[in-house]
């Protein structure tokens, strides 16, 4: 069986303050939305893509509590995750962060 590569790097601004909570088994977790801009088809058109980022590493959660605020520019390296929404059954695509670089 071939092994796939699930690796994504996304850069953008934190759109709001991160939410900090714990998972069902008590591990710390952080969630935030990243606004990433790209060029549109028309000249001068800018399109914004909103990406939900989940952080499960305890060390990264601690850093996010200190440094992650609305408007901060970050580069997130991680893997794409798909799940079904609990509310309406819609498929959601998110990024599970492995590493976050804060650009000051």
C-alpha atoms as a PDB file:
ATOM      1  CA  UNK A   1       0.000   0.000   0.000  1.00  0.00           C
ATOM      2  CA  UNK A   2       1.361   3.425  -0.958  1.00  0.00           C
ATOM      3  CA  UNK A   3       1.760   5.980   1.774  1.00  0.00           C
ATOM      4  CA  UNK A   4       0.298   9.420   1.070  1.00  0.00           C
ATOM      5  CA  UNK A   5       1.803  12.727   2.051  1.00  0.00           C
ATOM      6  CA  UNK A   6      -0.413  15.054   4.043  1.00  0.00           C
ATOM      7  CA  UNK A   7       1.562  18.263   4.485  1.00  0.00           C
ATOM      8  CA  UNK A   8       0.323  21.834   4.222  1.00  0.00           C
ATOM      9  CA  UNK A   9       1.883  25.236   4.917  1.00  0.00           C
ATOM     10  CA  UNK A  10      -0.454  28.212   5.271  1.00  0.00           C
ATOM     11  CA  UNK A  11       0.372  31.825   6.096  1.00  0.00           C
ATOM     12  CA  UNK A  12      -2.009  34.539   7.195  1.00  0.00           C
ATOM     13  CA  UNK A  13      -3.362  36.680   9.988  1.00  0.00           C
ATOM     14  CA  UNK A  14      -5.140  35.337  13.049  1.00  0.00           C
ATOM     15  CA  UNK A  15      -8.717  36.540  12.510  1.00  0.00           C
ATOM     16  CA  UNK A  16      -9.758  36.547  16.155  1.00  0.00           C
ATOM     17  CA  UNK A  17      -8.400  35.536  19.534  1.00  0.00           C
ATOM     18  CA  UNK A  18      -7.750  31.837  19.963  1.00  0.00           C
ATOM     19  CA  UNK A  19     -10.072  29.656  22.022  1.00  0.00           C
ATOM     20  CA  UNK A  20      -8.399  27.488  24.634  1.00  0.00           C
ATOM     21  CA  UNK A  21     -10.076  24.373  25.999  1.00  0.00           C
ATOM     22  CA  UNK A  22      -9.371  20.741  26.827  1.00  0.00           C
ATOM     23  CA  UNK A  23     -10.111  17.597  24.847  1.00  0.00           C
ATOM     24  CA  UNK A  24     -12.310  14.801  26.191  1.00  0.00           C
ATOM     25  CA  UNK A  25      -9.304  13.162  27.832  1.00  0.00           C
ATOM     26  CA  UNK A  26      -8.114  16.403  29.475  1.00  0.00           C
ATOM     27  CA  UNK A  27      -5.346  17.434  27.054  1.00  0.00           C
ATOM     28  CA  UNK A  28      -5.012  21.178  26.335  1.00  0.00           C
ATOM     29  CA  UNK A  29      -6.142  22.393  22.923  1.00  0.00           C
ATOM     30  CA  UNK A  30      -6.233  25.699  21.042  1.00  0.00           C
ATOM     31  CA  UNK A  31      -8.395  26.644  18.054  1.00  0.00           C
ATOM     32  CA  UNK A  32      -8.174  29.748  15.903  1.00  0.00           C
ATOM     33  CA  UNK A  33      -9.119  30.976  12.432  1.00  0.00           C
ATOM     34  CA  UNK A  34      -6.509  32.106   9.955  1.00  0.00           C
ATOM     35  CA  UNK A  35      -7.310  34.605   7.181  1.00  0.00           C
ATOM     36  CA  UNK A  36      -5.173  33.932   4.120  1.00  0.00           C
ATOM     37  CA  UNK A  37      -5.417  36.236   1.082  1.00  0.00           C
ATOM     38  CA  UNK A  38      -4.917  35.242  -2.542  1.00  0.00           C
ATOM     39  CA  UNK A  39      -5.304  36.945  -5.901  1.00  0.00           C
ATOM     40  CA  UNK A  40      -8.581  36.621  -7.742  1.00  0.00           C
ATOM     41  CA  UNK A  41      -9.196  36.232 -11.457  1.00  0.00           C
ATOM     42  CA  UNK A  42      -9.869  39.942 -12.005  1.00  0.00           C
ATOM     43  CA  UNK A  43      -7.037  42.468 -11.801  1.00  0.00           C
ATOM     44  CA  UNK A  44      -6.619  43.777  -8.258  1.00  0.00           C
ATOM     45  CA  UNK A  45      -9.127  41.327  -6.808  1.00  0.00           C
ATOM     46  CA  UNK A  46      -8.152  39.869  -3.420  1.00  0.00           C
ATOM     47  CA  UNK A  47      -9.964  36.822  -2.073  1.00  0.00           C
ATOM     48  CA  UNK A  48      -9.768  35.783   1.565  1.00  0.00           C
ATOM     49  CA  UNK A  49      -9.815  32.139   2.586  1.00  0.00           C
ATOM     50  CA  UNK A  50     -10.695  31.318   6.202  1.00  0.00           C
ATOM     51  CA  UNK A  51      -8.949  28.281   7.666  1.00  0.00           C
ATOM     52  CA  UNK A  52      -9.681  26.720  11.051  1.00  0.00           C
ATOM     53  CA  UNK A  53      -6.470  25.658  12.811  1.00  0.00           C
ATOM     54  CA  UNK A  54      -6.400  23.169  15.695  1.00  0.00           C
ATOM     55  CA  UNK A  55      -3.410  22.893  18.031  1.00  0.00           C
ATOM     56  CA  UNK A  56      -3.071  19.751  20.167  1.00  0.00           C
ATOM     57  CA  UNK A  57       0.601  19.863  21.180  1.00  0.00           C
ATOM     58  CA  UNK A  58       0.824  21.037  24.797  1.00  0.00           C
ATOM     59  CA  UNK A  59       4.005  23.029  24.089  1.00  0.00           C
ATOM     60  CA  UNK A  60       2.386  24.808  21.112  1.00  0.00           C
ATOM     61  CA  UNK A  61      -0.775  25.534  23.106  1.00  0.00           C
ATOM     62  CA  UNK A  62       1.356  27.219  25.790  1.00  0.00           C
ATOM     63  CA  UNK A  63       3.104  29.382  23.166  1.00  0.00           C
ATOM     64  CA  UNK A  64      -0.229  30.274  21.540  1.00  0.00           C
ATOM     65  CA  UNK A  65      -1.599  31.446  24.905  1.00  0.00           C
ATOM     66  CA  UNK A  66       1.271  33.934  25.125  1.00  0.00           C
ATOM     67  CA  UNK A  67       1.754  35.089  21.520  1.00  0.00           C
ATOM     68  CA  UNK A  68      -1.432  34.463  19.526  1.00  0.00           C
ATOM     69  CA  UNK A  69      -3.702  37.497  19.311  1.00  0.00           C
ATOM     70  CA  UNK A  70      -6.027  38.905  16.679  1.00  0.00           C
ATOM     71  CA  UNK A  71      -4.087  40.256  13.695  1.00  0.00           C
ATOM     72  CA  UNK A  72      -0.826  38.403  14.396  1.00  0.00           C
ATOM     73  CA  UNK A  73       0.764  37.063  11.190  1.00  0.00           C
ATOM     74  CA  UNK A  74       1.676  33.390  11.459  1.00  0.00           C
ATOM     75  CA  UNK A  75       2.892  30.545   9.284  1.00  0.00           C
ATOM     76  CA  UNK A  76       1.269  27.218  10.154  1.00  0.00           C
ATOM     77  CA  UNK A  77       2.742  23.877   9.107  1.00  0.00           C
ATOM     78  CA  UNK A  78       0.593  20.814   9.624  1.00  0.00           C
ATOM     79  CA  UNK A  79      -1.792  18.327   8.090  1.00  0.00           C
ATOM     80  CA  UNK A  80      -5.267  18.592   6.576  1.00  0.00           C
ATOM     81  CA  UNK A  81      -8.034  16.969   8.582  1.00  0.00           C
ATOM     82  CA  UNK A  82     -11.591  16.263   7.433  1.00  0.00           C
ATOM     83  CA  UNK A  83     -14.483  15.724   9.784  1.00  0.00           C
ATOM     84  CA  UNK A  84     -18.232  15.869   9.786  1.00  0.00           C
ATOM     85  CA  UNK A  85     -19.945  18.784  11.538  1.00  0.00           C
ATOM     86  CA  UNK A  86     -21.907  17.720  14.622  1.00  0.00           C
ATOM     87  CA  UNK A  87     -24.626  20.303  13.872  1.00  0.00           C
ATOM     88  CA  UNK A  88     -25.581  19.705  10.254  1.00  0.00           C
ATOM     89  CA  UNK A  89     -23.418  16.850   8.977  1.00  0.00           C
ATOM     90  CA  UNK A  90     -21.443  19.162   6.668  1.00  0.00           C
ATOM     91  CA  UNK A  91     -17.875  18.126   5.791  1.00  0.00           C
ATOM     92  CA  UNK A  92     -15.301  20.465   7.371  1.00  0.00           C
ATOM     93  CA  UNK A  93     -11.651  20.785   6.363  1.00  0.00           C
ATOM     94  CA  UNK A  94      -9.253  21.995   9.036  1.00  0.00           C
ATOM     95  CA  UNK A  95      -5.514  22.101   9.679  1.00  0.00           C
ATOM     96  CA  UNK A  96      -3.935  20.263  12.607  1.00  0.00           C
ATOM     97  CA  UNK A  97      -0.855  22.357  13.430  1.00  0.00           C
ATOM     98  CA  UNK A  98       2.532  20.695  13.956  1.00  0.00           C
ATOM     99  CA  UNK A  99       4.494  23.932  13.998  1.00  0.00           C
ATOM    100  CA  UNK A 100       3.624  27.638  14.154  1.00  0.00           C
ATOM    101  CA  UNK A 101       6.005  30.469  13.274  1.00  0.00           C
ATOM    102  CA  UNK A 102       5.094  33.910  14.607  1.00  0.00           C
ATOM    103  CA  UNK A 103       6.140  36.799  12.354  1.00  0.00           C
ATOM    104  CA  UNK A 104       6.534  40.045  14.305  1.00  0.00           C
END
